[in-house]
Amino acid sequence: MIGTIISAIIVGLIVGALARLVMPGKQNMGIIITIVLGALGSLIGSWLTYQLGYNNSNGGWEIIPFLVGIVVAIVLIAAYLAVRGRQVRA
């Protein structure tokens, strides 16, 4: 149980960080929200790819759900920034 939670946090951090790197501009958001949106993007991306019929018959690392998770995390980060609004602090 603890291992699963730690793995989700690490994957969320990686997916969220990669999503933020791909996005243009500066995103003013903390590490916690990056982890949460990255983990959520990874979860939704994996679920979506398997619902569309993805099957990792060769075994190994599942690159397609990982990439779709990054795309979903980009969309979630963009939605978060749109809802929160771009606040410029001087």
PDB file of N, CA and C in Angstrom:
ATOM      1  N   MET A   1       0.828  -1.197   0.000  1.00  0.00           N
ATOM      2  CA  MET A   1       0.000   0.000   0.000  1.00  0.00           C
ATOM      3  C   MET A   1       0.866   1.252   0.000  1.00  0.00           C
ATOM      4  N   ILE A   2       1.847   1.308   0.899  1.00  0.00           N
ATOM      5  CA  ILE A   2       2.734   2.476   0.956  1.00  0.00           C
ATOM      6  C   ILE A   2       3.545   2.577  -0.318  1.00  0.00           C
ATOM      7  N   GLY A   3       3.994   1.436  -0.837  1.00  0.00           N
ATOM      8  CA  GLY A   3       4.765   1.431  -2.083  1.00  0.00           C
ATOM      9  C   GLY A   3       3.959   1.968  -3.258  1.00  0.00           C
ATOM     10  N   THR A   4       2.673   1.643  -3.301  1.00  0.00           N
ATOM     11  CA  THR A   4       1.803   2.128  -4.367  1.00  0.00           C
ATOM     12  C   THR A   4       1.631   3.643  -4.280  1.00  0.00           C
ATOM     13  N   ILE A   5       1.467   4.148  -3.085  1.00  0.00           N
ATOM     14  CA  ILE A   5       1.302   5.590  -2.900  1.00  0.00           C
ATOM     15  C   ILE A   5       2.580   6.332  -3.281  1.00  0.00           C
ATOM     16  N   ILE A   6       3.716   5.808  -2.845  1.00  0.00           N
ATOM     17  CA  ILE A   6       4.998   6.443  -3.186  1.00  0.00           C
ATOM     18  C   ILE A   6       5.234   6.389  -4.692  1.00  0.00           C
ATOM     19  N   SER A   7       4.903   5.268  -5.324  1.00  0.00           N
ATOM     20  CA  SER A   7       5.045   5.153  -6.778  1.00  0.00           C
ATOM     21  C   SER A   7       4.157   6.150  -7.509  1.00  0.00           C
ATOM     22  N   ALA A   8       2.921   6.320  -7.046  1.00  0.00           N
ATOM     23  CA  ALA A   8       2.007   7.275  -7.672  1.00  0.00           C
ATOM     24  C   ALA A   8       2.535   8.697  -7.542  1.00  0.00           C
ATOM     25  N   ILE A   9       3.129   9.021  -6.396  1.00  0.00           N
ATOM     26  CA  ILE A   9       3.694  10.358  -6.205  1.00  0.00           C
ATOM     27  C   ILE A   9       4.878  10.581  -7.134  1.00  0.00           C
ATOM     28  N   ILE A  10       5.747   9.587  -7.255  1.00  0.00           N
ATOM     29  CA  ILE A  10       6.926   9.721  -8.118  1.00  0.00           C
ATOM     30  C   ILE A  10       6.516   9.824  -9.585  1.00  0.00           C
ATOM     31  N   VAL A  11       5.601   8.963 -10.030  1.00  0.00           N
ATOM     32  CA  VAL A  11       5.132   9.022 -11.415  1.00  0.00           C
ATOM     33  C   VAL A  11       4.411  10.341 -11.671  1.00  0.00           C
ATOM     34  N   GLY A  12       3.609  10.792 -10.712  1.00  0.00           N
ATOM     35  CA  GLY A  12       2.924  12.082 -10.850  1.00  0.00           C
ATOM     36  C   GLY A  12       3.902  13.226 -10.992  1.00  0.00           C
ATOM     37  N   LEU A  13       4.978  13.185 -10.214  1.00  0.00           N
ATOM     38  CA  LEU A  13       6.000  14.221 -10.310  1.00  0.00           C
ATOM     39  C   LEU A  13       6.676  14.203 -11.673  1.00  0.00           C
ATOM     40  N   ILE A  14       7.012  13.026 -12.163  1.00  0.00           N
ATOM     41  CA  ILE A  14       7.677  12.914 -13.465  1.00  0.00           C
ATOM     42  C   ILE A  14       6.753  13.367 -14.590  1.00  0.00           C
ATOM     43  N   VAL A  15       5.524  12.877 -14.594  1.00  0.00           N
ATOM     44  CA  VAL A  15       4.568  13.244 -15.652  1.00  0.00           C
ATOM     45  C   VAL A  15       4.244  14.734 -15.583  1.00  0.00           C
ATOM     46  N   GLY A  16       4.014  15.252 -14.386  1.00  0.00           N
ATOM     47  CA  GLY A  16       3.713  16.683 -14.228  1.00  0.00           C
ATOM     48  C   GLY A  16       4.878  17.556 -14.657  1.00  0.00           C
ATOM     49  N   ALA A  17       6.096  17.163 -14.286  1.00  0.00           N
ATOM     50  CA  ALA A  17       7.276  17.944 -14.669  1.00  0.00           C
ATOM     51  C   ALA A  17       7.490  17.923 -16.181  1.00  0.00           C
ATOM     52  N   LEU A  18       7.316  16.765 -16.807  1.00  0.00           N
ATOM     53  CA  LEU A  18       7.454  16.689 -18.266  1.00  0.00           C
ATOM     54  C   LEU A  18       6.369  17.503 -18.966  1.00  0.00           C
ATOM     55  N   ALA A  19       5.155  17.465 -18.431  1.00  0.00           N
ATOM     56  CA  ALA A  19       4.069  18.255 -19.019  1.00  0.00           C
ATOM     57  C   ALA A  19       4.379  19.745 -18.930  1.00  0.00           C
ATOM     58  N   ARG A  20       4.915  20.176 -17.788  1.00  0.00           N
ATOM     59  CA  ARG A  20       5.255  21.594 -17.636  1.00  0.00           C
ATOM     60  C   ARG A  20       6.418  21.995 -18.535  1.00  0.00           C
ATOM     61  N   LEU A  21       7.347  21.077 -18.780  1.00  0.00           N
ATOM     62  CA  LEU A  21       8.462  21.374 -19.682  1.00  0.00           C
ATOM     63  C   LEU A  21       7.993  21.555 -21.119  1.00  0.00           C
ATOM     64  N   VAL A  22       7.008  20.770 -21.523  1.00  0.00           N
ATOM     65  CA  VAL A  22       6.498  20.834 -22.893  1.00  0.00           C
ATOM     66  C   VAL A  22       5.658  22.089 -23.114  1.00  0.00           C
ATOM     67  N   MET A  23       4.953  22.517 -22.079  1.00  0.00           N
ATOM     68  CA  MET A  23       4.077  23.689 -22.211  1.00  0.00           C
ATOM     69  C   MET A  23       4.900  24.959 -22.397  1.00  0.00           C
ATOM     70  N   PRO A  24       4.453  25.832 -23.305  1.00  0.00           N
ATOM     71  CA  PRO A  24       5.170  27.098 -23.466  1.00  0.00           C
ATOM     72  C   PRO A  24       4.851  28.067 -22.330  1.00  0.00           C
ATOM     73  N   GLY A  25       5.773  28.948 -22.065  1.00  0.00           N
ATOM     74  CA  GLY A  25       5.554  29.963 -21.042  1.00  0.00           C
ATOM     75  C   GLY A  25       5.863  29.457 -19.652  1.00  0.00           C
ATOM     76  N   LYS A  26       5.682  30.357 -18.699  1.00  0.00           N
ATOM     77  CA  LYS A  26       5.953  30.028 -17.303  1.00  0.00           C
ATOM     78  C   LYS A  26       4.647  29.720 -16.600  1.00  0.00           C
ATOM     79  N   GLN A  27       4.636  28.632 -15.862  1.00  0.00           N
ATOM     80  CA  GLN A  27       3.462  28.271 -15.079  1.00  0.00           C
ATOM     81  C   GLN A  27       3.774  28.549 -13.613  1.00  0.00           C
ATOM     82  N   ASN A  28       2.993  29.426 -13.023  1.00  0.00           N
ATOM     83  CA  ASN A  28       3.172  29.758 -11.611  1.00  0.00           C
ATOM     84  C   ASN A  28       2.349  28.803 -10.764  1.00  0.00           C
ATOM     85  N   MET A  29       2.931  27.656 -10.456  1.00  0.00           N
ATOM     86  CA  MET A  29       2.256  26.672  -9.630  1.00  0.00           C
ATOM     87  C   MET A  29       3.299  25.891  -8.853  1.00  0.00           C
ATOM     88  N   GLY A  30       2.909  25.386  -7.711  1.00  0.00           N
ATOM     89  CA  GLY A  30       3.833  24.705  -6.831  1.00  0.00           C
ATOM     90  C   GLY A  30       4.038  23.246  -7.184  1.00  0.00           C
ATOM     91  N   ILE A  31       4.934  22.623  -6.446  1.00  0.00           N
ATOM     92  CA  ILE A  31       5.279  21.231  -6.683  1.00  0.00           C
ATOM     93  C   ILE A  31       4.134  20.293  -6.318  1.00  0.00           C
ATOM     94  N   ILE A  32       3.355  20.638  -5.301  1.00  0.00           N
ATOM     95  CA  ILE A  32       2.247  19.766  -4.883  1.00  0.00           C
ATOM     96  C   ILE A  32       1.190  19.685  -5.977  1.00  0.00           C
ATOM     97  N   ILE A  33       0.801  20.823  -6.541  1.00  0.00           N
ATOM     98  CA  ILE A  33      -0.207  20.805  -7.604  1.00  0.00           C
ATOM     99  C   ILE A  33       0.350  20.144  -8.866  1.00  0.00           C
ATOM    100  N   THR A  34       1.663  20.264  -9.093  1.00  0.00           N
ATOM    101  CA  THR A  34       2.291  19.575 -10.226  1.00  0.00           C
ATOM    102  C   THR A  34       2.177  18.062 -10.046  1.00  0.00           C
ATOM    103  N   ILE A  35       2.448  17.580  -8.838  1.00  0.00           N
ATOM    104  CA  ILE A  35       2.342  16.144  -8.558  1.00  0.00           C
ATOM    105  C   ILE A  35       0.902  15.673  -8.694  1.00  0.00           C
ATOM    106  N   VAL A  36      -0.031  16.445  -8.148  1.00  0.00           N
ATOM    107  CA  VAL A  36      -1.445  16.043  -8.190  1.00  0.00           C
ATOM    108  C   VAL A  36      -1.951  15.993  -9.629  1.00  0.00           C
ATOM    109  N   LEU A  37      -1.671  17.036 -10.414  1.00  0.00           N
ATOM    110  CA  LEU A  37      -2.139  17.054 -11.796  1.00  0.00           C
ATOM    111  C   LEU A  37      -1.400  16.028 -12.650  1.00  0.00           C
ATOM    112  N   GLY A  38      -0.125  15.784 -12.358  1.00  0.00           N
ATOM    113  CA  GLY A  38       0.624  14.758 -13.075  1.00  0.00           C
ATOM    114  C   GLY A  38       0.092  13.365 -12.788  1.00  0.00           C
ATOM    115  N   ALA A  39      -0.183  13.074 -11.519  1.00  0.00           N
ATOM    116  CA  ALA A  39      -0.736  11.766 -11.153  1.00  0.00           C
ATOM    117  C   ALA A  39      -2.127  11.585 -11.744  1.00  0.00           C
ATOM    118  N   LEU A  40      -2.928  12.631 -11.697  1.00  0.00           N
ATOM    119  CA  LEU A  40      -4.272  12.567 -12.276  1.00  0.00           C
ATOM    120  C   LEU A  40      -4.202  12.383 -13.791  1.00  0.00           C
ATOM    121  N   GLY A  41      -3.295  13.098 -14.432  1.00  0.00           N
ATOM    122  CA  GLY A  41      -3.106  12.939 -15.881  1.00  0.00           C
ATOM    123  C   GLY A  41      -2.645  11.543 -16.246  1.00  0.00           C
ATOM    124  N   SER A  42      -1.740  10.986 -15.445  1.00  0.00           N
ATOM    125  CA  SER A  42      -1.262   9.630 -15.684  1.00  0.00           C
ATOM    126  C   SER A  42      -2.381   8.610 -15.518  1.00  0.00           C
ATOM    127  N   LEU A  43      -3.177   8.785 -14.478  1.00  0.00           N
ATOM    128  CA  LEU A  43      -4.292   7.874 -14.227  1.00  0.00           C
ATOM    129  C   LEU A  43      -5.324   7.941 -15.350  1.00  0.00           C
ATOM    130  N   ILE A  44      -5.731   9.145 -15.723  1.00  0.00           N
ATOM    131  CA  ILE A  44      -6.726   9.309 -16.785  1.00  0.00           C
ATOM    132  C   ILE A  44      -6.163   8.841 -18.121  1.00  0.00           C
ATOM    133  N   GLY A  45      -4.897   9.147 -18.399  1.00  0.00           N
ATOM    134  CA  GLY A  45      -4.278   8.718 -19.645  1.00  0.00           C
ATOM    135  C   GLY A  45      -4.193   7.212 -19.771  1.00  0.00           C
ATOM    136  N   SER A  46      -3.818   6.533 -18.698  1.00  0.00           N
ATOM    137  CA  SER A  46      -3.757   5.072 -18.712  1.00  0.00           C
ATOM    138  C   SER A  46      -5.147   4.480 -18.901  1.00  0.00           C
ATOM    139  N   TRP A  47      -6.112   5.008 -18.156  1.00  0.00           N
ATOM    140  CA  TRP A  47      -7.479   4.508 -18.287  1.00  0.00           C
ATOM    141  C   TRP A  47      -7.992   4.696 -19.710  1.00  0.00           C
ATOM    142  N   LEU A  48      -7.725   5.857 -20.304  1.00  0.00           N
ATOM    143  CA  LEU A  48      -8.200   6.163 -21.646  1.00  0.00           C
ATOM    144  C   LEU A  48      -7.579   5.241 -22.686  1.00  0.00           C
ATOM    145  N   THR A  49      -6.274   5.008 -22.598  1.00  0.00           N
ATOM    146  CA  THR A  49      -5.629   4.141 -23.592  1.00  0.00           C
ATOM    147  C   THR A  49      -6.148   2.710 -23.504  1.00  0.00           C
ATOM    148  N   TYR A  50      -6.377   2.217 -22.305  1.00  0.00           N
ATOM    149  CA  TYR A  50      -6.907   0.858 -22.179  1.00  0.00           C
ATOM    150  C   TYR A  50      -8.368   0.781 -22.612  1.00  0.00           C
ATOM    151  N   GLN A  51      -9.138   1.851 -22.430  1.00  0.00           N
ATOM    152  CA  GLN A  51     -10.520   1.872 -22.907  1.00  0.00           C
ATOM    153  C   GLN A  51     -10.586   1.881 -24.434  1.00  0.00           C
ATOM    154  N   LEU A  52      -9.555   2.449 -25.059  1.00  0.00           N
ATOM    155  CA  LEU A  52      -9.510   2.487 -26.519  1.00  0.00           C
ATOM    156  C   LEU A  52      -8.895   1.221 -27.115  1.00  0.00           C
ATOM    157  N   GLY A  53      -8.578   0.238 -26.285  1.00  0.00           N
ATOM    158  CA  GLY A  53      -8.145  -1.057 -26.775  1.00  0.00           C
ATOM    159  C   GLY A  53      -6.645  -1.291 -26.774  1.00  0.00           C
ATOM    160  N   TYR A  54      -5.868  -0.473 -26.097  1.00  0.00           N
ATOM    161  CA  TYR A  54      -4.421  -0.681 -26.039  1.00  0.00           C
ATOM    162  C   TYR A  54      -4.108  -1.966 -25.288  1.00  0.00           C
ATOM    163  N   ASN A  55      -3.170  -2.730 -25.827  1.00  0.00           N
ATOM    164  CA  ASN A  55      -2.754  -3.968 -25.187  1.00  0.00           C
ATOM    165  C   ASN A  55      -1.241  -4.076 -25.313  1.00  0.00           C
ATOM    166  N   ASN A  56      -0.565  -4.165 -24.210  1.00  0.00           N
ATOM    167  CA  ASN A  56       0.890  -4.279 -24.204  1.00  0.00           C
ATOM    168  C   ASN A  56       1.260  -5.755 -24.272  1.00  0.00           C
ATOM    169  N   SER A  57       1.089  -6.354 -25.448  1.00  0.00           N
ATOM    170  CA  SER A  57       1.298  -7.792 -25.593  1.00  0.00           C
ATOM    171  C   SER A  57       2.769  -8.189 -25.550  1.00  0.00           C
ATOM    172  N   ASN A  58       3.675  -7.260 -25.827  1.00  0.00           N
ATOM    173  CA  ASN A  58       5.102  -7.578 -25.811  1.00  0.00           C
ATOM    174  C   ASN A  58       5.711  -7.466 -24.425  1.00  0.00           C
ATOM    175  N   GLY A  59       5.006  -6.907 -23.489  1.00  0.00           N
ATOM    176  CA  GLY A  59       5.537  -6.697 -22.144  1.00  0.00           C
ATOM    177  C   GLY A  59       6.452  -5.490 -22.131  1.00  0.00           C
ATOM    178  N   GLY A  60       7.145  -5.303 -21.041  1.00  0.00           N
ATOM    179  CA  GLY A  60       8.071  -4.178 -20.942  1.00  0.00           C
ATOM    180  C   GLY A  60       7.381  -2.903 -20.526  1.00  0.00           C
ATOM    181  N   TRP A  61       8.062  -1.790 -20.769  1.00  0.00           N
ATOM    182  CA  TRP A  61       7.568  -0.483 -20.361  1.00  0.00           C
ATOM    183  C   TRP A  61       6.453  -0.033 -21.284  1.00  0.00           C
ATOM    184  N   GLU A  62       5.376   0.443 -20.736  1.00  0.00           N
ATOM    185  CA  GLU A  62       4.218   0.856 -21.514  1.00  0.00           C
ATOM    186  C   GLU A  62       4.346   2.332 -21.869  1.00  0.00           C
ATOM    187  N   ILE A  63       4.899   2.602 -23.047  1.00  0.00           N
ATOM    188  CA  ILE A  63       5.206   3.977 -23.450  1.00  0.00           C
ATOM    189  C   ILE A  63       3.947   4.739 -23.873  1.00  0.00           C
ATOM    190  N   ILE A  64       2.997   4.069 -24.517  1.00  0.00           N
ATOM    191  CA  ILE A  64       1.800   4.766 -25.015  1.00  0.00           C
ATOM    192  C   ILE A  64       0.974   5.363 -23.868  1.00  0.00           C
ATOM    193  N   PRO A  65       0.639   4.604 -22.823  1.00  0.00           N
ATOM    194  CA  PRO A  65      -0.096   5.232 -21.711  1.00  0.00           C
ATOM    195  C   PRO A  65       0.698   6.351 -21.041  1.00  0.00           C
ATOM    196  N   PHE A  66       2.013   6.222 -20.983  1.00  0.00           N
ATOM    197  CA  PHE A  66       2.854   7.259 -20.393  1.00  0.00           C
ATOM    198  C   PHE A  66       2.762   8.550 -21.200  1.00  0.00           C
ATOM    199  N   LEU A  67       2.864   8.447 -22.529  1.00  0.00           N
ATOM    200  CA  LEU A  67       2.787   9.635 -23.388  1.00  0.00           C
ATOM    201  C   LEU A  67       1.392  10.251 -23.356  1.00  0.00           C
ATOM    202  N   VAL A  68       0.368   9.425 -23.361  1.00  0.00           N
ATOM    203  CA  VAL A  68      -0.999   9.945 -23.277  1.00  0.00           C
ATOM    204  C   VAL A  68      -1.208  10.615 -21.916  1.00  0.00           C
ATOM    205  N   GLY A  69      -0.608  10.074 -20.868  1.00  0.00           N
ATOM    206  CA  GLY A  69      -0.682  10.688 -19.546  1.00  0.00           C
ATOM    207  C   GLY A  69      -0.063  12.075 -19.528  1.00  0.00           C
ATOM    208  N   ILE A  70       1.041  12.249 -20.251  1.00  0.00           N
ATOM    209  CA  ILE A  70       1.674  13.567 -20.344  1.00  0.00           C
ATOM    210  C   ILE A  70       0.758  14.540 -21.074  1.00  0.00           C
ATOM    211  N   VAL A  71       0.136  14.095 -22.162  1.00  0.00           N
ATOM    212  CA  VAL A  71      -0.786  14.960 -22.911  1.00  0.00           C
ATOM    213  C   VAL A  71      -1.975  15.356 -22.046  1.00  0.00           C
ATOM    214  N   VAL A  72      -2.527  14.388 -21.308  1.00  0.00           N
ATOM    215  CA  VAL A  72      -3.664  14.687 -20.426  1.00  0.00           C
ATOM    216  C   VAL A  72      -3.227  15.643 -19.320  1.00  0.00           C
ATOM    217  N   ALA A  73      -2.026  15.461 -18.789  1.00  0.00           N
ATOM    218  CA  ALA A  73      -1.521  16.363 -17.751  1.00  0.00           C
ATOM    219  C   ALA A  73      -1.347  17.777 -18.300  1.00  0.00           C
ATOM    220  N   ILE A  74      -0.922  17.908 -19.558  1.00  0.00           N
ATOM    221  CA  ILE A  74      -0.816  19.228 -20.191  1.00  0.00           C
ATOM    222  C   ILE A  74      -2.183  19.896 -20.232  1.00  0.00           C
ATOM    223  N   VAL A  75      -3.197  19.126 -20.622  1.00  0.00           N
ATOM    224  CA  VAL A  75      -4.560  19.671 -20.676  1.00  0.00           C
ATOM    225  C   VAL A  75      -5.031  20.068 -19.276  1.00  0.00           C
ATOM    226  N   LEU A  76      -4.745  19.240 -18.274  1.00  0.00           N
ATOM    227  CA  LEU A  76      -5.157  19.553 -16.904  1.00  0.00           C
ATOM    228  C   LEU A  76      -4.440  20.789 -16.369  1.00  0.00           C
ATOM    229  N   ILE A  77      -3.156  20.926 -16.671  1.00  0.00           N
ATOM    230  CA  ILE A  77      -2.409  22.102 -16.226  1.00  0.00           C
ATOM    231  C   ILE A  77      -2.940  23.355 -16.911  1.00  0.00           C
ATOM    232  N   ALA A  78      -3.227  23.258 -18.212  1.00  0.00           N
ATOM    233  CA  ALA A  78      -3.783  24.406 -18.927  1.00  0.00           C
ATOM    234  C   ALA A  78      -5.145  24.789 -18.354  1.00  0.00           C
ATOM    235  N   ALA A  79      -5.969  23.800 -18.037  1.00  0.00           N
ATOM    236  CA  ALA A  79      -7.280  24.082 -17.447  1.00  0.00           C
ATOM    237  C   ALA A  79      -7.123  24.700 -16.060  1.00  0.00           C
ATOM    238  N   TYR A  80      -6.183  24.185 -15.277  1.00  0.00           N
ATOM    239  CA  TYR A  80      -5.927  24.739 -13.948  1.00  0.00           C
ATOM    240  C   TYR A  80      -5.495  26.199 -14.045  1.00  0.00           C
ATOM    241  N   LEU A  81      -4.585  26.486 -14.969  1.00  0.00           N
ATOM    242  CA  LEU A  81      -4.115  27.862 -15.117  1.00  0.00           C
ATOM    243  C   LEU A  81      -5.219  28.781 -15.633  1.00  0.00           C
ATOM    244  N   ALA A  82      -6.097  28.259 -16.490  1.00  0.00           N
ATOM    245  CA  ALA A  82      -7.198  29.069 -17.005  1.00  0.00           C
ATOM    246  C   ALA A  82      -8.210  29.384 -15.910  1.00  0.00           C
ATOM    247  N   VAL A  83      -8.494  28.398 -15.063  1.00  0.00           N
ATOM    248  CA  VAL A  83      -9.455  28.614 -13.979  1.00  0.00           C
ATOM    249  C   VAL A  83      -8.853  29.531 -12.914  1.00  0.00           C
ATOM    250  N   ARG A  84      -7.622  29.272 -12.570  1.00  0.00           N
ATOM    251  CA  ARG A  84      -6.955  30.058 -11.534  1.00  0.00           C
ATOM    252  C   ARG A  84      -6.617  31.455 -12.026  1.00  0.00           C
ATOM    253  N   GLY A  85      -6.365  31.576 -13.310  1.00  0.00           N
ATOM    254  CA  GLY A  85      -5.981  32.870 -13.874  1.00  0.00           C
ATOM    255  C   GLY A  85      -4.492  33.087 -13.706  1.00  0.00           C
ATOM    256  N   ARG A  86      -3.927  33.766 -14.620  1.00  0.00           N
ATOM    257  CA  ARG A  86      -2.496  34.043 -14.546  1.00  0.00           C
ATOM    258  C   ARG A  86      -2.276  35.251 -13.655  1.00  0.00           C
ATOM    259  N   GLN A  87      -1.776  34.996 -12.473  1.00  0.00           N
ATOM    260  CA  GLN A  87      -1.532  36.062 -11.514  1.00  0.00           C
ATOM    261  C   GLN A  87      -0.060  36.451 -11.584  1.00  0.00           C
ATOM    262  N   VAL A  88       0.168  37.692 -11.855  1.00  0.00           N
ATOM    263  CA  VAL A  88       1.536  38.213 -11.897  1.00  0.00           C
ATOM    264  C   VAL A  88       1.789  38.938 -10.597  1.00  0.00           C
ATOM    265  N   ARG A  89       2.798  38.491  -9.874  1.00  0.00           N
ATOM    266  CA  ARG A  89       3.136  39.120  -8.612  1.00  0.00           C
ATOM    267  C   ARG A  89       4.378  39.952  -8.803  1.00  0.00           C
ATOM    268  N   ALA A  90       4.292  41.185  -8.381  1.00  0.00           N
ATOM    269  CA  ALA A  90       5.433  42.086  -8.553  1.00  0.00           C
ATOM    270  C   ALA A  90       6.224  42.195  -7.291  1.00  0.00           C
TER     271      ALA A  90
END
